N, C-alpha and C. Protein backbone atom coordinates (compact mmCIF):
# COMPACT_ATOMS: atom_id res chain seq x y z
N UNK A 1 27.40 -8.57 -5.27
CA UNK A 1 26.86 -7.26 -4.92
C UNK A 1 27.05 -6.30 -6.10
N UNK A 2 26.03 -5.49 -6.39
CA UNK A 2 26.10 -4.55 -7.49
C UNK A 2 26.85 -3.30 -7.06
N UNK A 3 28.04 -3.11 -7.64
CA UNK A 3 28.86 -1.95 -7.30
C UNK A 3 28.87 -0.93 -8.44
N UNK A 4 27.95 -1.07 -9.38
CA UNK A 4 27.91 -0.17 -10.52
C UNK A 4 27.67 1.27 -10.08
N UNK A 5 28.39 2.18 -10.68
CA UNK A 5 28.26 3.60 -10.38
C UNK A 5 26.95 4.11 -10.97
N UNK A 6 26.03 4.62 -10.13
CA UNK A 6 24.73 5.08 -10.66
C UNK A 6 24.87 6.19 -11.71
N UNK A 7 25.80 7.13 -11.48
CA UNK A 7 25.97 8.22 -12.44
C UNK A 7 26.43 7.69 -13.78
N UNK A 8 27.38 6.77 -13.77
CA UNK A 8 27.85 6.17 -15.03
C UNK A 8 26.70 5.45 -15.74
N UNK A 9 25.89 4.73 -14.96
CA UNK A 9 24.78 3.98 -15.57
C UNK A 9 23.77 4.92 -16.22
N UNK A 10 23.41 6.02 -15.52
CA UNK A 10 22.42 6.93 -16.09
C UNK A 10 22.99 7.73 -17.26
N UNK A 11 24.25 8.09 -17.19
CA UNK A 11 24.86 8.76 -18.33
C UNK A 11 24.83 7.86 -19.56
N UNK A 12 25.10 6.59 -19.36
CA UNK A 12 25.05 5.63 -20.48
C UNK A 12 23.62 5.47 -20.99
N UNK A 13 22.67 5.41 -20.08
CA UNK A 13 21.26 5.24 -20.49
C UNK A 13 20.78 6.45 -21.29
N UNK A 14 21.27 7.64 -20.94
CA UNK A 14 20.86 8.86 -21.63
C UNK A 14 21.71 9.18 -22.85
N UNK A 15 22.71 8.37 -23.15
CA UNK A 15 23.68 8.73 -24.19
C UNK A 15 23.16 8.55 -25.61
N UNK A 16 22.08 7.81 -25.78
CA UNK A 16 21.51 7.62 -27.11
C UNK A 16 20.92 8.92 -27.64
N UNK A 17 20.89 9.06 -28.96
CA UNK A 17 20.24 10.22 -29.56
C UNK A 17 18.74 10.22 -29.26
N UNK A 18 18.18 9.02 -29.08
CA UNK A 18 16.78 8.91 -28.68
C UNK A 18 16.62 9.36 -27.24
N UNK A 19 15.39 9.75 -26.90
CA UNK A 19 15.07 10.08 -25.51
C UNK A 19 14.55 8.82 -24.84
N UNK A 20 15.24 8.39 -23.79
CA UNK A 20 14.95 7.11 -23.14
C UNK A 20 13.49 6.98 -22.74
N UNK A 21 12.91 8.06 -22.19
CA UNK A 21 11.52 8.06 -21.76
C UNK A 21 10.64 8.88 -22.69
N UNK A 22 11.12 9.13 -23.90
CA UNK A 22 10.35 9.91 -24.87
C UNK A 22 10.43 11.40 -24.57
N UNK A 23 9.77 12.17 -25.41
CA UNK A 23 9.74 13.63 -25.22
C UNK A 23 8.36 14.13 -24.81
N UNK A 24 7.37 13.25 -24.82
CA UNK A 24 6.02 13.64 -24.38
C UNK A 24 5.96 13.61 -22.86
N UNK A 25 5.15 14.45 -22.25
CA UNK A 25 5.05 14.48 -20.79
C UNK A 25 4.37 13.23 -20.25
N UNK A 26 4.58 12.98 -18.99
CA UNK A 26 3.92 11.90 -18.28
C UNK A 26 2.41 12.10 -18.28
N UNK A 27 1.67 11.02 -18.54
CA UNK A 27 0.21 11.12 -18.69
C UNK A 27 -0.47 11.56 -17.39
N UNK A 28 -0.01 11.07 -16.26
CA UNK A 28 -0.60 11.50 -14.98
C UNK A 28 -0.40 13.00 -14.79
N UNK A 29 0.78 13.49 -15.08
CA UNK A 29 1.05 14.92 -14.94
C UNK A 29 0.09 15.72 -15.81
N UNK A 30 -0.09 15.31 -17.04
CA UNK A 30 -1.00 16.01 -17.96
C UNK A 30 -2.43 15.99 -17.41
N UNK A 31 -2.80 14.88 -16.77
CA UNK A 31 -4.17 14.77 -16.23
C UNK A 31 -4.43 15.77 -15.11
N UNK A 32 -3.37 16.33 -14.56
CA UNK A 32 -3.51 17.30 -13.46
C UNK A 32 -3.39 18.74 -13.96
N UNK A 33 -3.47 18.94 -15.25
CA UNK A 33 -3.32 20.28 -15.83
C UNK A 33 -4.27 21.29 -15.22
N UNK A 34 -5.47 20.85 -14.86
CA UNK A 34 -6.47 21.77 -14.31
C UNK A 34 -6.05 22.39 -12.98
N UNK A 35 -5.06 21.78 -12.32
CA UNK A 35 -4.59 22.31 -11.03
C UNK A 35 -3.46 23.33 -11.21
N UNK A 36 -2.95 23.46 -12.41
CA UNK A 36 -1.77 24.28 -12.68
C UNK A 36 -2.16 25.54 -13.43
N UNK A 37 -1.63 26.66 -13.01
CA UNK A 37 -1.98 27.95 -13.62
C UNK A 37 -0.72 28.66 -14.09
N UNK A 38 -0.81 29.41 -15.21
CA UNK A 38 0.33 30.20 -15.67
C UNK A 38 0.84 31.12 -14.57
N UNK A 39 2.16 31.20 -14.48
CA UNK A 39 2.77 32.04 -13.46
C UNK A 39 3.14 31.31 -12.20
N UNK A 40 2.58 30.11 -11.98
CA UNK A 40 2.97 29.31 -10.82
C UNK A 40 4.43 28.90 -10.97
N UNK A 41 5.11 28.73 -9.84
CA UNK A 41 6.47 28.22 -9.86
C UNK A 41 6.44 26.71 -9.62
N UNK A 42 7.32 25.99 -10.32
CA UNK A 42 7.33 24.54 -10.22
C UNK A 42 8.76 24.03 -10.15
N UNK A 43 8.96 22.98 -9.37
CA UNK A 43 10.23 22.28 -9.29
C UNK A 43 10.04 20.88 -9.86
N UNK A 44 10.80 20.56 -10.92
CA UNK A 44 10.78 19.23 -11.51
C UNK A 44 11.96 18.44 -10.93
N UNK A 45 11.65 17.46 -10.10
CA UNK A 45 12.66 16.71 -9.34
C UNK A 45 13.24 15.59 -10.21
N UNK A 46 14.57 15.54 -10.28
CA UNK A 46 15.25 14.49 -11.06
C UNK A 46 14.59 14.35 -12.43
N UNK A 47 14.60 15.44 -13.17
CA UNK A 47 13.81 15.55 -14.40
C UNK A 47 14.46 14.89 -15.62
N UNK A 48 15.61 14.27 -15.45
CA UNK A 48 16.20 13.49 -16.54
C UNK A 48 16.40 14.29 -17.80
N UNK A 49 15.83 13.79 -18.88
CA UNK A 49 15.98 14.42 -20.20
C UNK A 49 14.99 15.56 -20.44
N UNK A 50 14.17 15.87 -19.45
CA UNK A 50 13.45 17.13 -19.47
C UNK A 50 12.02 17.16 -19.95
N UNK A 51 11.44 16.02 -20.27
CA UNK A 51 10.10 16.03 -20.89
C UNK A 51 9.05 16.69 -19.99
N UNK A 52 9.10 16.42 -18.69
CA UNK A 52 8.07 16.97 -17.81
C UNK A 52 8.30 18.44 -17.50
N UNK A 53 9.55 18.82 -17.31
CA UNK A 53 9.85 20.23 -17.10
C UNK A 53 9.45 21.09 -18.29
N UNK A 54 9.71 20.58 -19.49
CA UNK A 54 9.34 21.31 -20.70
C UNK A 54 7.82 21.47 -20.78
N UNK A 55 7.09 20.42 -20.49
CA UNK A 55 5.63 20.52 -20.55
C UNK A 55 5.11 21.54 -19.54
N UNK A 56 5.67 21.53 -18.33
CA UNK A 56 5.25 22.50 -17.33
C UNK A 56 5.50 23.92 -17.82
N UNK A 57 6.66 24.15 -18.42
CA UNK A 57 6.97 25.48 -18.95
C UNK A 57 6.03 25.86 -20.08
N UNK A 58 5.63 24.88 -20.89
CA UNK A 58 4.68 25.16 -21.97
C UNK A 58 3.31 25.56 -21.45
N UNK A 59 3.00 25.19 -20.21
CA UNK A 59 1.73 25.60 -19.60
C UNK A 59 1.82 26.98 -18.95
N UNK A 60 2.99 27.61 -19.07
CA UNK A 60 3.17 28.95 -18.54
C UNK A 60 3.72 29.00 -17.13
N UNK A 61 4.16 27.85 -16.61
CA UNK A 61 4.75 27.84 -15.27
C UNK A 61 6.21 28.28 -15.34
N UNK A 62 6.70 28.80 -14.23
CA UNK A 62 8.11 29.19 -14.09
C UNK A 62 8.83 27.99 -13.48
N UNK A 63 9.66 27.32 -14.28
CA UNK A 63 10.14 25.99 -13.93
C UNK A 63 11.62 25.98 -13.55
N UNK A 64 11.90 25.33 -12.45
CA UNK A 64 13.25 24.95 -12.06
C UNK A 64 13.33 23.43 -12.15
N UNK A 65 14.37 22.91 -12.77
CA UNK A 65 14.52 21.46 -12.92
C UNK A 65 15.96 21.07 -12.61
N UNK A 66 16.11 19.89 -12.02
CA UNK A 66 17.48 19.42 -11.79
C UNK A 66 17.59 17.93 -12.04
N UNK A 67 18.82 17.52 -12.34
CA UNK A 67 19.15 16.11 -12.49
C UNK A 67 20.64 15.96 -12.24
N UNK A 68 21.07 14.76 -11.85
CA UNK A 68 22.49 14.57 -11.56
C UNK A 68 23.30 14.10 -12.75
N UNK A 69 22.63 13.80 -13.87
CA UNK A 69 23.32 13.34 -15.06
C UNK A 69 23.59 14.50 -16.02
N UNK A 70 24.85 14.84 -16.28
CA UNK A 70 25.12 15.91 -17.25
C UNK A 70 24.66 15.56 -18.65
N UNK A 71 24.66 14.28 -18.98
CA UNK A 71 24.20 13.86 -20.30
C UNK A 71 22.69 14.10 -20.42
N UNK A 72 21.95 13.70 -19.40
CA UNK A 72 20.51 13.94 -19.40
C UNK A 72 20.20 15.43 -19.40
N UNK A 73 20.95 16.19 -18.62
CA UNK A 73 20.69 17.62 -18.51
C UNK A 73 20.91 18.33 -19.83
N UNK A 74 21.94 17.94 -20.56
CA UNK A 74 22.19 18.56 -21.86
C UNK A 74 21.04 18.27 -22.83
N UNK A 75 20.52 17.05 -22.79
CA UNK A 75 19.37 16.72 -23.64
C UNK A 75 18.14 17.51 -23.21
N UNK A 76 17.98 17.72 -21.90
CA UNK A 76 16.86 18.52 -21.40
C UNK A 76 16.96 19.95 -21.90
N UNK A 77 18.15 20.50 -21.89
CA UNK A 77 18.34 21.87 -22.38
C UNK A 77 18.02 21.96 -23.87
N UNK A 78 18.44 20.96 -24.63
CA UNK A 78 18.13 20.96 -26.07
C UNK A 78 16.63 20.84 -26.31
N UNK A 79 15.96 20.01 -25.51
CA UNK A 79 14.52 19.83 -25.66
C UNK A 79 13.79 21.14 -25.35
N UNK A 80 14.22 21.83 -24.32
CA UNK A 80 13.61 23.11 -23.96
C UNK A 80 13.83 24.14 -25.07
N UNK A 81 15.03 24.14 -25.64
CA UNK A 81 15.33 25.09 -26.71
C UNK A 81 14.45 24.83 -27.92
N UNK A 82 14.29 23.55 -28.27
CA UNK A 82 13.43 23.21 -29.41
C UNK A 82 11.98 23.58 -29.15
N UNK A 83 11.56 23.47 -27.89
CA UNK A 83 10.17 23.80 -27.53
C UNK A 83 9.97 25.30 -27.36
N UNK A 84 11.05 26.06 -27.35
CA UNK A 84 10.94 27.51 -27.21
C UNK A 84 10.56 27.96 -25.81
N UNK A 85 10.99 27.19 -24.80
CA UNK A 85 10.67 27.56 -23.41
C UNK A 85 11.96 27.77 -22.62
N UNK A 86 11.84 28.53 -21.54
CA UNK A 86 12.97 28.80 -20.67
C UNK A 86 12.78 28.06 -19.35
N UNK A 87 13.81 27.33 -18.96
CA UNK A 87 13.80 26.57 -17.71
C UNK A 87 15.12 26.83 -16.99
N UNK A 88 15.05 26.97 -15.69
CA UNK A 88 16.27 27.05 -14.88
C UNK A 88 16.75 25.63 -14.61
N UNK A 89 17.74 25.18 -15.39
CA UNK A 89 18.27 23.84 -15.23
C UNK A 89 19.47 23.84 -14.28
N UNK A 90 19.52 22.84 -13.42
CA UNK A 90 20.63 22.70 -12.48
C UNK A 90 21.17 21.28 -12.53
N UNK A 91 22.50 21.17 -12.55
CA UNK A 91 23.15 19.87 -12.40
C UNK A 91 23.34 19.63 -10.91
N UNK A 92 22.60 18.67 -10.36
CA UNK A 92 22.65 18.46 -8.91
C UNK A 92 22.20 17.05 -8.57
N UNK A 93 22.87 16.48 -7.60
CA UNK A 93 22.46 15.19 -7.04
C UNK A 93 21.29 15.45 -6.09
N UNK A 94 20.31 14.59 -6.14
CA UNK A 94 19.12 14.79 -5.31
C UNK A 94 19.48 14.78 -3.81
N UNK A 95 20.54 14.07 -3.45
CA UNK A 95 20.95 14.02 -2.05
C UNK A 95 21.54 15.34 -1.58
N UNK A 96 21.96 16.19 -2.53
CA UNK A 96 22.59 17.47 -2.18
C UNK A 96 21.71 18.68 -2.48
N UNK A 97 20.52 18.44 -3.02
CA UNK A 97 19.67 19.57 -3.40
C UNK A 97 19.21 20.33 -2.14
N UNK A 98 19.24 21.65 -2.23
CA UNK A 98 18.83 22.49 -1.10
C UNK A 98 17.32 22.75 -1.21
N UNK A 99 16.55 21.92 -0.53
CA UNK A 99 15.09 22.02 -0.61
C UNK A 99 14.57 23.31 0.02
N UNK A 100 15.35 23.90 0.90
CA UNK A 100 14.90 25.11 1.60
C UNK A 100 15.21 26.39 0.84
N UNK A 101 15.90 26.27 -0.29
CA UNK A 101 16.37 27.48 -0.98
C UNK A 101 15.23 28.29 -1.57
N UNK A 102 14.13 27.62 -1.90
CA UNK A 102 13.04 28.32 -2.57
C UNK A 102 11.73 27.57 -2.35
N UNK A 103 10.64 28.32 -2.18
CA UNK A 103 9.33 27.71 -2.00
C UNK A 103 8.58 27.72 -3.32
N UNK A 104 8.00 26.59 -3.69
CA UNK A 104 7.36 26.43 -4.99
C UNK A 104 5.85 26.23 -4.85
N UNK A 105 5.13 26.64 -5.89
CA UNK A 105 3.70 26.37 -5.96
C UNK A 105 3.42 24.91 -6.28
N UNK A 106 4.35 24.25 -6.95
CA UNK A 106 4.19 22.84 -7.30
C UNK A 106 5.54 22.16 -7.29
N UNK A 107 5.58 20.97 -6.74
CA UNK A 107 6.76 20.10 -6.82
C UNK A 107 6.31 18.84 -7.54
N UNK A 108 7.03 18.49 -8.60
CA UNK A 108 6.65 17.38 -9.46
C UNK A 108 7.71 16.29 -9.38
N UNK A 109 7.29 15.10 -8.98
CA UNK A 109 8.21 13.97 -8.81
C UNK A 109 7.62 12.75 -9.53
N UNK A 110 8.12 12.49 -10.71
CA UNK A 110 7.60 11.41 -11.56
C UNK A 110 8.63 10.30 -11.66
N UNK A 111 8.30 9.12 -11.16
CA UNK A 111 9.17 7.95 -11.25
C UNK A 111 10.58 8.24 -10.74
N UNK A 112 10.69 8.66 -9.48
CA UNK A 112 12.01 8.91 -8.89
C UNK A 112 12.38 7.77 -7.95
N UNK A 113 12.10 6.53 -8.35
CA UNK A 113 12.23 5.39 -7.44
C UNK A 113 13.60 4.73 -7.48
N UNK A 114 14.61 5.53 -7.83
CA UNK A 114 15.99 5.08 -7.69
C UNK A 114 16.43 5.12 -6.23
N UNK A 115 15.64 5.76 -5.36
CA UNK A 115 16.03 6.02 -3.97
C UNK A 115 15.60 4.88 -3.06
N UNK A 116 16.53 4.28 -2.33
CA UNK A 116 16.15 3.29 -1.30
C UNK A 116 15.47 3.99 -0.13
N UNK A 117 14.86 3.22 0.79
CA UNK A 117 13.99 3.81 1.81
C UNK A 117 14.59 4.95 2.62
N UNK A 118 15.83 4.83 3.10
CA UNK A 118 16.39 5.88 3.94
C UNK A 118 16.54 7.18 3.15
N UNK A 119 17.06 7.07 1.94
CA UNK A 119 17.20 8.26 1.09
C UNK A 119 15.82 8.80 0.71
N UNK A 120 14.89 7.91 0.42
CA UNK A 120 13.54 8.32 0.03
C UNK A 120 12.89 9.16 1.12
N UNK A 121 13.07 8.76 2.37
CA UNK A 121 12.49 9.52 3.47
C UNK A 121 13.02 10.95 3.50
N UNK A 122 14.32 11.12 3.25
CA UNK A 122 14.91 12.46 3.22
C UNK A 122 14.39 13.26 2.04
N UNK A 123 14.22 12.60 0.90
CA UNK A 123 13.71 13.28 -0.30
C UNK A 123 12.26 13.73 -0.07
N UNK A 124 11.44 12.85 0.46
CA UNK A 124 10.04 13.20 0.71
C UNK A 124 9.94 14.38 1.67
N UNK A 125 10.75 14.35 2.73
CA UNK A 125 10.72 15.45 3.69
C UNK A 125 11.16 16.75 3.01
N UNK A 126 12.18 16.65 2.15
CA UNK A 126 12.65 17.83 1.44
C UNK A 126 11.61 18.38 0.49
N UNK A 127 10.91 17.51 -0.22
CA UNK A 127 9.88 17.98 -1.16
C UNK A 127 8.77 18.71 -0.43
N UNK A 128 8.39 18.22 0.73
CA UNK A 128 7.37 18.93 1.51
C UNK A 128 7.88 20.29 1.94
N UNK A 129 9.15 20.35 2.34
CA UNK A 129 9.73 21.61 2.77
C UNK A 129 9.81 22.62 1.62
N UNK A 130 9.93 22.13 0.40
CA UNK A 130 10.06 23.00 -0.77
C UNK A 130 8.73 23.61 -1.22
N UNK A 131 7.62 23.16 -0.65
CA UNK A 131 6.31 23.67 -1.05
C UNK A 131 5.96 24.95 -0.31
N UNK A 132 5.38 25.90 -1.03
CA UNK A 132 4.76 27.05 -0.39
C UNK A 132 3.51 26.58 0.37
N UNK A 133 3.06 27.32 1.36
CA UNK A 133 1.72 27.05 1.90
C UNK A 133 0.70 27.07 0.77
N UNK A 134 -0.09 26.02 0.68
CA UNK A 134 -1.04 25.88 -0.42
C UNK A 134 -0.45 25.23 -1.65
N UNK A 135 0.86 24.95 -1.63
CA UNK A 135 1.53 24.36 -2.79
C UNK A 135 1.15 22.90 -2.99
N UNK A 136 1.29 22.43 -4.23
CA UNK A 136 0.87 21.08 -4.61
C UNK A 136 2.07 20.18 -4.85
N UNK A 137 1.96 18.94 -4.39
CA UNK A 137 2.91 17.89 -4.71
C UNK A 137 2.23 16.92 -5.67
N UNK A 138 2.85 16.73 -6.84
CA UNK A 138 2.34 15.79 -7.85
C UNK A 138 3.35 14.66 -7.97
N UNK A 139 2.92 13.44 -7.67
CA UNK A 139 3.85 12.32 -7.62
C UNK A 139 3.24 11.10 -8.29
N UNK A 140 4.05 10.43 -9.12
CA UNK A 140 3.64 9.12 -9.64
C UNK A 140 4.81 8.16 -9.51
N UNK A 141 4.47 6.93 -9.16
CA UNK A 141 5.48 5.89 -9.07
C UNK A 141 4.88 4.53 -9.33
N UNK A 142 5.67 3.51 -9.06
CA UNK A 142 5.24 2.12 -9.21
C UNK A 142 4.93 1.50 -7.85
N UNK A 143 3.99 0.57 -7.84
CA UNK A 143 3.73 -0.24 -6.65
C UNK A 143 4.57 -1.52 -6.75
N UNK A 144 4.70 -2.27 -5.65
CA UNK A 144 5.50 -3.50 -5.69
C UNK A 144 5.05 -4.49 -6.77
N UNK A 145 3.79 -4.45 -7.16
CA UNK A 145 3.33 -5.39 -8.18
C UNK A 145 4.03 -5.17 -9.51
N UNK A 146 4.65 -4.00 -9.68
CA UNK A 146 5.39 -3.72 -10.91
C UNK A 146 6.50 -4.74 -11.16
N UNK A 147 6.98 -5.37 -10.11
CA UNK A 147 8.03 -6.38 -10.28
C UNK A 147 7.54 -7.57 -11.10
N UNK A 148 6.22 -7.79 -11.14
CA UNK A 148 5.67 -8.85 -11.98
C UNK A 148 5.71 -8.48 -13.45
N UNK A 149 5.63 -7.19 -13.74
CA UNK A 149 5.53 -6.73 -15.13
C UNK A 149 6.88 -6.34 -15.72
N UNK A 150 7.73 -5.74 -14.91
CA UNK A 150 9.09 -5.36 -15.34
C UNK A 150 9.07 -4.54 -16.63
N UNK A 151 8.17 -3.57 -16.68
CA UNK A 151 8.06 -2.70 -17.85
C UNK A 151 8.61 -1.31 -17.56
N UNK A 152 9.40 -1.22 -16.49
CA UNK A 152 10.00 0.05 -16.09
C UNK A 152 10.25 0.03 -14.60
N UNK A 153 11.13 0.92 -14.17
CA UNK A 153 11.41 1.04 -12.75
C UNK A 153 12.49 0.08 -12.28
N UNK A 154 12.94 0.24 -11.05
CA UNK A 154 14.02 -0.58 -10.52
C UNK A 154 13.50 -1.96 -10.09
N UNK A 155 14.39 -2.94 -10.03
CA UNK A 155 13.98 -4.29 -9.62
C UNK A 155 14.03 -4.48 -8.11
N UNK A 156 13.62 -3.45 -7.36
CA UNK A 156 13.73 -3.50 -5.91
C UNK A 156 12.38 -3.17 -5.28
N UNK A 157 11.76 -4.14 -4.64
CA UNK A 157 10.44 -3.93 -4.05
C UNK A 157 10.47 -2.82 -3.00
N UNK A 158 11.58 -2.70 -2.26
CA UNK A 158 11.65 -1.71 -1.20
C UNK A 158 11.63 -0.28 -1.74
N UNK A 159 11.91 -0.10 -3.02
CA UNK A 159 11.88 1.24 -3.62
C UNK A 159 10.48 1.64 -4.07
N UNK A 160 9.56 0.70 -4.10
CA UNK A 160 8.23 0.96 -4.64
C UNK A 160 7.35 1.64 -3.58
N UNK A 161 6.22 2.19 -4.04
CA UNK A 161 5.29 2.90 -3.16
C UNK A 161 4.01 2.10 -2.99
N UNK A 162 3.40 2.26 -1.82
CA UNK A 162 2.05 1.78 -1.57
C UNK A 162 1.24 2.95 -1.04
N UNK A 163 -0.07 2.80 -1.05
CA UNK A 163 -0.93 3.86 -0.53
C UNK A 163 -0.61 4.12 0.94
N UNK A 164 -0.44 3.06 1.71
CA UNK A 164 -0.16 3.23 3.14
C UNK A 164 1.17 3.96 3.35
N UNK A 165 2.18 3.62 2.57
CA UNK A 165 3.49 4.27 2.69
C UNK A 165 3.39 5.76 2.42
N UNK A 166 2.68 6.13 1.34
CA UNK A 166 2.58 7.54 0.98
C UNK A 166 1.73 8.31 1.98
N UNK A 167 0.67 7.70 2.47
CA UNK A 167 -0.15 8.39 3.48
C UNK A 167 0.67 8.70 4.73
N UNK A 168 1.49 7.75 5.13
CA UNK A 168 2.31 7.97 6.33
C UNK A 168 3.41 9.00 6.06
N UNK A 169 4.09 8.87 4.91
CA UNK A 169 5.20 9.76 4.60
C UNK A 169 4.75 11.21 4.45
N UNK A 170 3.55 11.39 3.89
CA UNK A 170 3.07 12.74 3.60
C UNK A 170 1.90 13.13 4.52
N UNK A 171 1.92 12.60 5.73
CA UNK A 171 0.86 12.91 6.69
C UNK A 171 0.69 14.41 6.96
N UNK A 172 1.76 15.23 6.90
CA UNK A 172 1.56 16.66 7.13
C UNK A 172 0.78 17.36 6.02
N UNK A 173 0.62 16.71 4.87
CA UNK A 173 -0.06 17.32 3.74
C UNK A 173 -1.52 16.87 3.68
N UNK A 174 -2.31 17.65 2.96
CA UNK A 174 -3.71 17.27 2.67
C UNK A 174 -3.72 16.44 1.40
N UNK A 175 -4.11 15.18 1.50
CA UNK A 175 -4.14 14.30 0.34
C UNK A 175 -5.40 14.61 -0.47
N UNK A 176 -5.20 15.07 -1.70
CA UNK A 176 -6.33 15.38 -2.59
C UNK A 176 -6.68 14.21 -3.49
N UNK A 177 -5.69 13.40 -3.81
CA UNK A 177 -5.90 12.29 -4.75
C UNK A 177 -4.81 11.26 -4.49
N UNK A 178 -5.20 10.02 -4.24
CA UNK A 178 -4.23 8.95 -4.03
C UNK A 178 -4.86 7.64 -4.46
N UNK A 179 -4.31 7.03 -5.50
CA UNK A 179 -4.92 5.82 -6.03
C UNK A 179 -3.87 4.90 -6.63
N UNK A 180 -3.99 3.62 -6.33
CA UNK A 180 -3.20 2.58 -7.00
C UNK A 180 -4.03 2.06 -8.17
N UNK A 181 -3.37 1.86 -9.30
CA UNK A 181 -4.10 1.38 -10.48
C UNK A 181 -3.12 0.74 -11.46
N UNK A 182 -3.65 0.07 -12.46
CA UNK A 182 -2.83 -0.51 -13.51
C UNK A 182 -3.22 0.12 -14.84
N UNK A 183 -2.22 0.32 -15.68
CA UNK A 183 -2.46 0.96 -16.97
C UNK A 183 -1.29 0.63 -17.89
N UNK A 184 -1.48 0.89 -19.16
CA UNK A 184 -0.39 0.75 -20.14
C UNK A 184 0.36 2.07 -20.22
N UNK A 185 1.65 2.01 -19.98
CA UNK A 185 2.51 3.19 -20.05
C UNK A 185 3.33 3.13 -21.33
N UNK A 186 3.37 4.23 -22.05
CA UNK A 186 4.13 4.31 -23.30
C UNK A 186 5.00 5.56 -23.25
N UNK A 187 6.15 5.42 -22.60
CA UNK A 187 7.08 6.53 -22.43
C UNK A 187 8.46 6.09 -22.90
N UNK A 188 8.63 6.04 -24.22
CA UNK A 188 9.91 5.62 -24.77
C UNK A 188 10.23 4.18 -24.40
N UNK A 189 11.52 3.84 -24.54
CA UNK A 189 11.95 2.48 -24.20
C UNK A 189 12.02 2.26 -22.70
N UNK A 190 12.15 3.34 -21.94
CA UNK A 190 12.35 3.20 -20.51
C UNK A 190 11.13 2.74 -19.75
N UNK A 191 9.94 3.20 -20.15
CA UNK A 191 8.68 2.80 -19.53
C UNK A 191 7.74 2.38 -20.66
N UNK A 192 7.56 1.10 -20.82
CA UNK A 192 6.76 0.64 -21.97
C UNK A 192 6.04 -0.65 -21.62
N UNK A 193 4.70 -0.55 -21.51
CA UNK A 193 3.90 -1.74 -21.29
C UNK A 193 2.98 -1.64 -20.09
N UNK A 194 2.31 -2.73 -19.81
CA UNK A 194 1.37 -2.79 -18.69
C UNK A 194 2.12 -2.56 -17.38
N UNK A 195 1.59 -1.67 -16.55
CA UNK A 195 2.33 -1.23 -15.37
C UNK A 195 1.42 -1.10 -14.15
N UNK A 196 2.01 -1.29 -12.98
CA UNK A 196 1.30 -1.13 -11.70
C UNK A 196 1.72 0.22 -11.11
N UNK A 197 0.77 1.15 -11.07
CA UNK A 197 1.08 2.54 -10.79
C UNK A 197 0.40 3.04 -9.53
N UNK A 198 0.93 4.13 -8.99
CA UNK A 198 0.28 4.84 -7.91
C UNK A 198 0.46 6.34 -8.15
N UNK A 199 -0.65 7.07 -8.03
CA UNK A 199 -0.66 8.51 -8.29
C UNK A 199 -1.06 9.24 -7.01
N UNK A 200 -0.42 10.38 -6.78
CA UNK A 200 -0.79 11.17 -5.61
C UNK A 200 -0.73 12.66 -5.92
N UNK A 201 -1.75 13.38 -5.45
CA UNK A 201 -1.74 14.84 -5.41
C UNK A 201 -1.97 15.23 -3.97
N UNK A 202 -1.09 16.05 -3.43
CA UNK A 202 -1.23 16.49 -2.04
C UNK A 202 -0.93 17.98 -1.95
N UNK A 203 -1.50 18.61 -0.95
CA UNK A 203 -1.35 20.06 -0.80
C UNK A 203 -0.84 20.39 0.60
N UNK A 204 0.14 21.28 0.63
CA UNK A 204 0.61 21.78 1.92
C UNK A 204 -0.43 22.73 2.48
N UNK A 205 -0.85 22.54 3.72
CA UNK A 205 -1.87 23.43 4.28
C UNK A 205 -1.45 24.89 4.21
N UNK A 206 -2.41 25.74 3.92
CA UNK A 206 -2.12 27.18 3.80
C UNK A 206 -1.83 27.77 5.17
């Protein structure tokens, strides 16, 4: 049985001077730029070393970001400083995050598939709760077929997403875009190569 401490593992993964997932934003997130407007508030969930939070701030959004790794968070702060943007960074475990504390125009969750099903259900419910009426949820993850490619993500099929799973989990939201597809991902050493992906954009009813 794997008894490895997740925090220790992620701190070690983030300890290199290199950025594990690169410093460029996620391609799916960038493809949704047309939905994002300056002045919108955004929550970057488990933002790691900060690449997506920084990009959101560069688009003029007011960004709150959190991660449970102090090593990753420090790199995120340095990345934001180099980019000349201001982000409200928080050191927090996703299981302890107060989703009700603030309502956001956008909640961004990119490759947060460290969560097993029971925890995932609580996270999904929390992300919906964190949205303002009319707010957008932007999510990308891997489908179970990713286990054939092993170019990123956890080695656990139960952590992966399918279209049916996301439709059921986010039934209270209006699904604007939901598609499973395959593509080459080039995000540092952490995500590199042909990948089985699923993208979703959903909106909380006004």
